Amino acid sequence: MQSQRIRNVFDAILKYGHDEDFVPLVSDEFTSTDAPAGSVAKIEVLRRRVEMGMPLWHQEDRLDYSGLTGAVRPRE
């Protein structure tokens, strides 16, 4: 029987039934993002981090919306 390789937190849960012992992998690929919270770009970065077994949050990720502009819709 081939042993299951633990790549991310989901694999750990499937194998052990919990994630208590899972330790995220920090490598050169674990870089910060300037994508704002809630954006499609930020969600994609978080998705990739989880899939690759990395920590979800990077210390240097964007923390606010300063310097960004967006469309304003009038209230209905």
C-alpha atoms as a PDB file:
ATOM      1  CA  MET A   1       0.000   0.000   0.000  1.00  0.00           C
ATOM      2  CA  GLN A   2       1.367   3.396  -1.007  1.00  0.00           C
ATOM      3  CA  SER A   3       1.596   5.989   1.760  1.00  0.00           C
ATOM      4  CA  GLN A   4      -0.371   9.161   1.203  1.00  0.00           C
ATOM      5  CA  ARG A   5       1.766  12.278   0.855  1.00  0.00           C
ATOM      6  CA  ILE A   6       0.483  15.189   2.926  1.00  0.00           C
ATOM      7  CA  ARG A   7       0.533  18.254   0.661  1.00  0.00           C
ATOM      8  CA  ASN A   8      -1.881  20.539   2.469  1.00  0.00           C
ATOM      9  CA  VAL A   9      -4.267  20.838   5.405  1.00  0.00           C
ATOM     10  CA  PHE A  10      -7.026  19.035   3.495  1.00  0.00           C
ATOM     11  CA  ASP A  11      -4.813  15.987   2.922  1.00  0.00           C
ATOM     12  CA  ALA A  12      -3.958  15.961   6.643  1.00  0.00           C
ATOM     13  CA  ILE A  13      -7.642  16.009   7.582  1.00  0.00           C
ATOM     14  CA  LEU A  14      -8.428  13.206   5.137  1.00  0.00           C
ATOM     15  CA  LYS A  15      -5.596  11.056   6.451  1.00  0.00           C
ATOM     16  CA  TYR A  16      -5.771  11.730  10.207  1.00  0.00           C
ATOM     17  CA  GLY A  17      -9.292  13.121  10.700  1.00  0.00           C
ATOM     18  CA  HIS A  18      -7.924  16.419  12.052  1.00  0.00           C
ATOM     19  CA  ASP A  19      -5.386  19.139  11.272  1.00  0.00           C
ATOM     20  CA  GLU A  20      -3.886  19.526  14.746  1.00  0.00           C
ATOM     21  CA  ASP A  21      -0.404  18.403  13.695  1.00  0.00           C
ATOM     22  CA  PHE A  22      -0.318  20.032  10.257  1.00  0.00           C
ATOM     23  CA  VAL A  23       2.524  22.523   9.855  1.00  0.00           C
ATOM     24  CA  PRO A  24       2.350  24.815   6.791  1.00  0.00           C
ATOM     25  CA  LEU A  25       5.378  24.875   4.499  1.00  0.00           C
ATOM     26  CA  VAL A  26       7.262  28.157   4.198  1.00  0.00           C
ATOM     27  CA  SER A  27       9.445  28.253   1.073  1.00  0.00           C
ATOM     28  CA  ASP A  28      10.716  30.777  -1.474  1.00  0.00           C
ATOM     29  CA  GLU A  29       7.325  30.513  -3.191  1.00  0.00           C
ATOM     30  CA  PHE A  30       5.594  31.944  -0.098  1.00  0.00           C
ATOM     31  CA  THR A  31       5.581  35.621  -1.047  1.00  0.00           C
ATOM     32  CA  SER A  32       3.382  38.542  -0.038  1.00  0.00           C
ATOM     33  CA  THR A  33       0.584  39.963  -2.167  1.00  0.00           C
ATOM     34  CA  ASP A  34      -0.553  43.533  -2.731  1.00  0.00           C
ATOM     35  CA  ALA A  35      -4.055  42.373  -3.701  1.00  0.00           C
ATOM     36  CA  PRO A  36      -6.754  44.009  -1.559  1.00  0.00           C
ATOM     37  CA  ALA A  37      -8.874  41.941   0.813  1.00  0.00           C
ATOM     38  CA  GLY A  38     -11.936  40.418  -0.837  1.00  0.00           C
ATOM     39  CA  SER A  39     -10.647  40.888  -4.377  1.00  0.00           C
ATOM     40  CA  VAL A  40     -10.618  38.027  -6.873  1.00  0.00           C
ATOM     41  CA  ALA A  41      -6.830  38.312  -6.974  1.00  0.00           C
ATOM     42  CA  LYS A  42      -6.494  37.969  -3.171  1.00  0.00           C
ATOM     43  CA  ILE A  43      -8.860  35.011  -3.052  1.00  0.00           C
ATOM     44  CA  GLU A  44      -6.818  33.301  -5.776  1.00  0.00           C
ATOM     45  CA  VAL A  45      -3.586  33.871  -3.816  1.00  0.00           C
ATOM     46  CA  LEU A  46      -5.169  32.398  -0.672  1.00  0.00           C
ATOM     47  CA  ARG A  47      -6.502  29.410  -2.646  1.00  0.00           C
ATOM     48  CA  ARG A  48      -3.055  28.668  -4.071  1.00  0.00           C
ATOM     49  CA  ARG A  49      -1.423  29.000  -0.650  1.00  0.00           C
ATOM     50  CA  VAL A  50      -3.783  26.429   0.849  1.00  0.00           C
ATOM     51  CA  GLU A  51      -3.352  24.039  -2.081  1.00  0.00           C
ATOM     52  CA  MET A  52       0.434  24.269  -1.812  1.00  0.00           C
ATOM     53  CA  GLY A  53       0.419  23.686   1.950  1.00  0.00           C
ATOM     54  CA  MET A  54       1.639  27.179   2.805  1.00  0.00           C
ATOM     55  CA  PRO A  55       0.433  29.442   5.618  1.00  0.00           C
ATOM     56  CA  LEU A  56      -2.705  31.351   4.678  1.00  0.00           C
ATOM     57  CA  TRP A  57      -1.461  34.790   5.743  1.00  0.00           C
ATOM     58  CA  HIS A  58       1.864  36.438   4.920  1.00  0.00           C
ATOM     59  CA  GLN A  59       3.235  39.065   7.308  1.00  0.00           C
ATOM     60  CA  GLU A  60       3.679  41.539   4.428  1.00  0.00           C
ATOM     61  CA  ASP A  61       0.287  41.093   2.696  1.00  0.00           C
ATOM     62  CA  ARG A  62      -1.657  44.309   2.051  1.00  0.00           C
ATOM     63  CA  LEU A  63      -3.467  45.365   5.216  1.00  0.00           C
ATOM     64  CA  ASP A  64      -5.613  48.221   3.937  1.00  0.00           C
ATOM     65  CA  TYR A  65      -7.128  49.857   0.862  1.00  0.00           C
ATOM     66  CA  SER A  66      -4.875  52.936   0.765  1.00  0.00           C
ATOM     67  CA  GLY A  67      -3.896  54.089  -2.698  1.00  0.00           C
ATOM     68  CA  LEU A  68      -6.731  52.210  -4.388  1.00  0.00           C
ATOM     69  CA  THR A  69      -9.563  53.724  -6.364  1.00  0.00           C
ATOM     70  CA  GLY A  70     -12.804  52.083  -7.382  1.00  0.00           C
ATOM     71  CA  ALA A  71     -16.078  52.711  -9.090  1.00  0.00           C
ATOM     72  CA  VAL A  72     -18.778  54.296  -6.968  1.00  0.00           C
ATOM     73  CA  ARG A  73     -22.348  53.227  -7.567  1.00  0.00           C
ATOM     74  CA  PRO A  74     -25.167  55.500  -6.506  1.00  0.00           C
ATOM     75  CA  ARG A  75     -27.553  54.164  -3.888  1.00  0.00           C
ATOM     76  CA  GLU A  76     -30.891  52.974  -5.154  1.00  0.00           C
END
